[in-house]
Amino acid sequence: MVVRPGPLVTVQADGDQLEQALINLIRNAADAVVETDGGVVVGWTCERGWLELFVEDDGLGIANTANLFVPFFTTKPGGSGIGLVLSRQIVEAHGGTLTLENRADARGCVGRLRLPVTR
């Protein structure tokens, strides 16, 4: 995994909850690159009062994006289907958004977690 640090920034948030959301995104990305022997990049930017954390992977991408945030839907053997749903709920409870989509620039997908910056 590669970390691309961004600017120093402060957000008002529950650290344990955000940690769980990030663990879910990074774990999904790590699982996605097992078949492709690809990599995972994590980083952040800050623009117009928003912090955007991103998790990019070089996996196969998402075949069907329609069910990503459906509770208990999973494509993983032994998966529970609650990781992304829980992550989205955590982020939205902090006034942010969570999206996951196929990358436009390469194989794989990118998760974007956006949170308002504390002033």
C-alpha atoms as a PDB file:
ATOM      1  CA  MET A   1       0.000   0.000   0.000  1.00  0.00           C
ATOM      2  CA  VAL A   2       1.172   3.489  -0.860  1.00  0.00           C
ATOM      3  CA  VAL A   3       0.117   6.563   1.123  1.00  0.00           C
ATOM      4  CA  ARG A   4       0.002   9.919  -0.692  1.00  0.00           C
ATOM      5  CA  PRO A   5      -0.244  12.482   2.097  1.00  0.00           C
ATOM      6  CA  GLY A   6      -2.147  15.669   1.539  1.00  0.00           C
ATOM      7  CA  PRO A   7      -2.267  18.926   3.471  1.00  0.00           C
ATOM      8  CA  LEU A   8      -2.637  19.141   7.238  1.00  0.00           C
ATOM      9  CA  VAL A   9      -6.332  19.449   7.963  1.00  0.00           C
ATOM     10  CA  THR A  10      -8.689  19.134  10.939  1.00  0.00           C
ATOM     11  CA  VAL A  11     -12.134  17.576  10.934  1.00  0.00           C
ATOM     12  CA  GLN A  12     -14.643  17.308  13.783  1.00  0.00           C
ATOM     13  CA  ALA A  13     -15.340  13.583  13.952  1.00  0.00           C
ATOM     14  CA  ASP A  14     -15.398  10.411  15.993  1.00  0.00           C
ATOM     15  CA  GLY A  15     -11.963   8.940  15.308  1.00  0.00           C
ATOM     16  CA  ASP A  16     -12.974   5.365  16.097  1.00  0.00           C
ATOM     17  CA  GLN A  17     -15.905   5.476  13.694  1.00  0.00           C
ATOM     18  CA  LEU A  18     -13.881   7.027  10.876  1.00  0.00           C
ATOM     19  CA  GLU A  19     -11.151   4.475  11.483  1.00  0.00           C
ATOM     20  CA  GLN A  20     -13.726   1.712  10.995  1.00  0.00           C
ATOM     21  CA  ALA A  21     -14.960   3.277   7.748  1.00  0.00           C
ATOM     22  CA  LEU A  22     -11.390   3.525   6.425  1.00  0.00           C
ATOM     23  CA  ILE A  23     -10.570  -0.024   7.512  1.00  0.00           C
ATOM     24  CA  ASN A  24     -13.578  -1.252   5.516  1.00  0.00           C
ATOM     25  CA  LEU A  25     -12.525   0.664   2.388  1.00  0.00           C
ATOM     26  CA  ILE A  26      -8.870  -0.388   2.608  1.00  0.00           C
ATOM     27  CA  ARG A  27      -9.748  -4.020   3.342  1.00  0.00           C
ATOM     28  CA  ASN A  28     -12.063  -4.112   0.302  1.00  0.00           C
ATOM     29  CA  ALA A  29      -9.320  -2.597  -1.862  1.00  0.00           C
ATOM     30  CA  ALA A  30      -6.745  -5.096  -0.562  1.00  0.00           C
ATOM     31  CA  ASP A  31      -9.149  -7.970  -1.296  1.00  0.00           C
ATOM     32  CA  ALA A  32      -9.743  -6.612  -4.814  1.00  0.00           C
ATOM     33  CA  VAL A  33      -6.052  -6.705  -5.778  1.00  0.00           C
ATOM     34  CA  VAL A  34      -5.393 -10.296  -4.703  1.00  0.00           C
ATOM     35  CA  GLU A  35      -6.340 -11.665  -8.137  1.00  0.00           C
ATOM     36  CA  THR A  36      -4.474  -8.998 -10.104  1.00  0.00           C
ATOM     37  CA  ASP A  37      -1.404  -8.659  -7.872  1.00  0.00           C
ATOM     38  CA  GLY A  38      -2.107  -4.928  -8.058  1.00  0.00           C
ATOM     39  CA  GLY A  39      -1.616  -2.176  -5.535  1.00  0.00           C
ATOM     40  CA  VAL A  40      -3.605   0.106  -3.265  1.00  0.00           C
ATOM     41  CA  VAL A  41      -3.068   3.859  -2.925  1.00  0.00           C
ATOM     42  CA  VAL A  42      -4.530   5.877  -0.054  1.00  0.00           C
ATOM     43  CA  GLY A  43      -4.357   9.656   0.130  1.00  0.00           C
ATOM     44  CA  TRP A  44      -6.235  12.871   0.708  1.00  0.00           C
ATOM     45  CA  THR A  45      -6.813  16.351  -0.640  1.00  0.00           C
ATOM     46  CA  CYS A  46      -8.555  19.390   0.750  1.00  0.00           C
ATOM     47  CA  GLU A  47     -10.551  21.804  -1.401  1.00  0.00           C
ATOM     48  CA  ARG A  48     -13.345  24.311  -0.805  1.00  0.00           C
ATOM     49  CA  GLY A  49     -13.894  23.312   2.823  1.00  0.00           C
ATOM     50  CA  TRP A  50     -13.962  19.562   2.169  1.00  0.00           C
ATOM     51  CA  LEU A  51     -11.477  16.833   2.998  1.00  0.00           C
ATOM     52  CA  GLU A  52     -11.499  14.037   0.427  1.00  0.00           C
ATOM     53  CA  LEU A  53      -9.847  10.759   1.363  1.00  0.00           C
ATOM     54  CA  PHE A  54      -9.395   8.330  -1.493  1.00  0.00           C
ATOM     55  CA  VAL A  55      -8.631   4.627  -1.665  1.00  0.00           C
ATOM     56  CA  GLU A  56      -7.670   3.444  -5.160  1.00  0.00           C
ATOM     57  CA  ASP A  57      -7.023  -0.135  -6.149  1.00  0.00           C
ATOM     58  CA  ASP A  58      -5.718  -1.907  -9.250  1.00  0.00           C
ATOM     59  CA  GLY A  59      -8.215  -4.757  -8.985  1.00  0.00           C
ATOM     60  CA  LEU A  60     -10.671  -5.937 -11.607  1.00  0.00           C
ATOM     61  CA  GLY A  61     -13.159  -3.165 -10.891  1.00  0.00           C
ATOM     62  CA  ILE A  62     -16.806  -3.385  -9.932  1.00  0.00           C
ATOM     63  CA  ALA A  63     -18.940  -5.517 -12.230  1.00  0.00           C
ATOM     64  CA  ASN A  64     -22.272  -4.285 -10.864  1.00  0.00           C
ATOM     65  CA  THR A  65     -22.369  -1.013  -8.927  1.00  0.00           C
ATOM     66  CA  ALA A  66     -26.126  -1.205  -8.282  1.00  0.00           C
ATOM     67  CA  ASN A  67     -25.819  -3.301  -5.111  1.00  0.00           C
ATOM     68  CA  LEU A  68     -22.754  -1.701  -3.493  1.00  0.00           C
ATOM     69  CA  PHE A  69     -24.619  -0.144  -0.582  1.00  0.00           C
ATOM     70  CA  VAL A  70     -27.442  -2.691  -0.251  1.00  0.00           C
ATOM     71  CA  PRO A  71     -27.402  -4.166   3.268  1.00  0.00           C
ATOM     72  CA  PHE A  72     -26.320  -7.830   3.437  1.00  0.00           C
ATOM     73  CA  PHE A  73     -25.474  -8.017  -0.286  1.00  0.00           C
ATOM     74  CA  THR A  74     -22.000  -9.429  -0.840  1.00  0.00           C
ATOM     75  CA  THR A  75     -19.968 -11.040  -3.589  1.00  0.00           C
ATOM     76  CA  LYS A  76     -17.285 -12.262  -1.171  1.00  0.00           C
ATOM     77  CA  PRO A  77     -17.316 -15.806   0.176  1.00  0.00           C
ATOM     78  CA  GLY A  78     -17.938 -15.443   3.888  1.00  0.00           C
ATOM     79  CA  GLY A  79     -18.728 -11.726   3.558  1.00  0.00           C
ATOM     80  CA  SER A  80     -21.502 -10.139   5.600  1.00  0.00           C
ATOM     81  CA  GLY A  81     -22.493  -7.321   3.241  1.00  0.00           C
ATOM     82  CA  ILE A  82     -22.441  -4.679   5.979  1.00  0.00           C
ATOM     83  CA  GLY A  83     -18.988  -3.101   5.580  1.00  0.00           C
ATOM     84  CA  LEU A  84     -19.799  -0.532   2.903  1.00  0.00           C
ATOM     85  CA  VAL A  85     -23.277   0.135   4.296  1.00  0.00           C
ATOM     86  CA  LEU A  86     -21.837   0.816   7.752  1.00  0.00           C
ATOM     87  CA  SER A  87     -19.067   2.962   6.285  1.00  0.00           C
ATOM     88  CA  ARG A  88     -21.553   5.096   4.368  1.00  0.00           C
ATOM     89  CA  GLN A  89     -23.726   5.539   7.475  1.00  0.00           C
ATOM     90  CA  ILE A  90     -20.696   6.633   9.515  1.00  0.00           C
ATOM     91  CA  VAL A  91     -19.599   9.166   6.913  1.00  0.00           C
ATOM     92  CA  GLU A  92     -23.111  10.562   6.404  1.00  0.00           C
ATOM     93  CA  ALA A  93     -23.538  10.907  10.189  1.00  0.00           C
ATOM     94  CA  HIS A  94     -20.470  13.180  10.056  1.00  0.00           C
ATOM     95  CA  GLY A  95     -22.015  15.354   7.335  1.00  0.00           C
ATOM     96  CA  GLY A  96     -20.056  13.729   4.524  1.00  0.00           C
ATOM     97  CA  THR A  97     -20.455  11.416   1.556  1.00  0.00           C
ATOM     98  CA  LEU A  98     -18.996   8.079   0.506  1.00  0.00           C
ATOM     99  CA  THR A  99     -18.838   6.900  -3.098  1.00  0.00           C
ATOM    100  CA  LEU A 100     -17.259   3.908  -4.795  1.00  0.00           C
ATOM    101  CA  GLU A 101     -16.824   3.681  -8.548  1.00  0.00           C
ATOM    102  CA  ASN A 102     -14.687   2.161 -11.253  1.00  0.00           C
ATOM    103  CA  ARG A 103     -11.610   4.206 -12.068  1.00  0.00           C
ATOM    104  CA  ALA A 104     -11.708   6.172 -15.303  1.00  0.00           C
ATOM    105  CA  ASP A 105      -7.913   6.291 -15.695  1.00  0.00           C
ATOM    106  CA  ALA A 106      -7.007   2.648 -15.047  1.00  0.00           C
ATOM    107  CA  ARG A 107      -8.256  -0.787 -14.051  1.00  0.00           C
ATOM    108  CA  GLY A 108      -9.762  -0.994 -10.568  1.00  0.00           C
ATOM    109  CA  CYS A 109     -11.929   1.256  -8.471  1.00  0.00           C
ATOM    110  CA  VAL A 110     -11.731   4.257  -6.177  1.00  0.00           C
ATOM    111  CA  GLY A 111     -13.558   5.002  -2.959  1.00  0.00           C
ATOM    112  CA  ARG A 112     -13.994   8.661  -2.031  1.00  0.00           C
ATOM    113  CA  LEU A 113     -14.830   9.683   1.510  1.00  0.00           C
ATOM    114  CA  ARG A 114     -15.679  13.409   1.795  1.00  0.00           C
ATOM    115  CA  LEU A 115     -15.964  15.261   5.100  1.00  0.00           C
ATOM    116  CA  PRO A 116     -16.429  18.936   5.980  1.00  0.00           C
ATOM    117  CA  VAL A 117     -13.288  20.625   7.287  1.00  0.00           C
ATOM    118  CA  THR A 118     -13.308  22.246  10.717  1.00  0.00           C
ATOM    119  CA  ARG A 119     -12.491  25.938  10.620  1.00  0.00           C
END
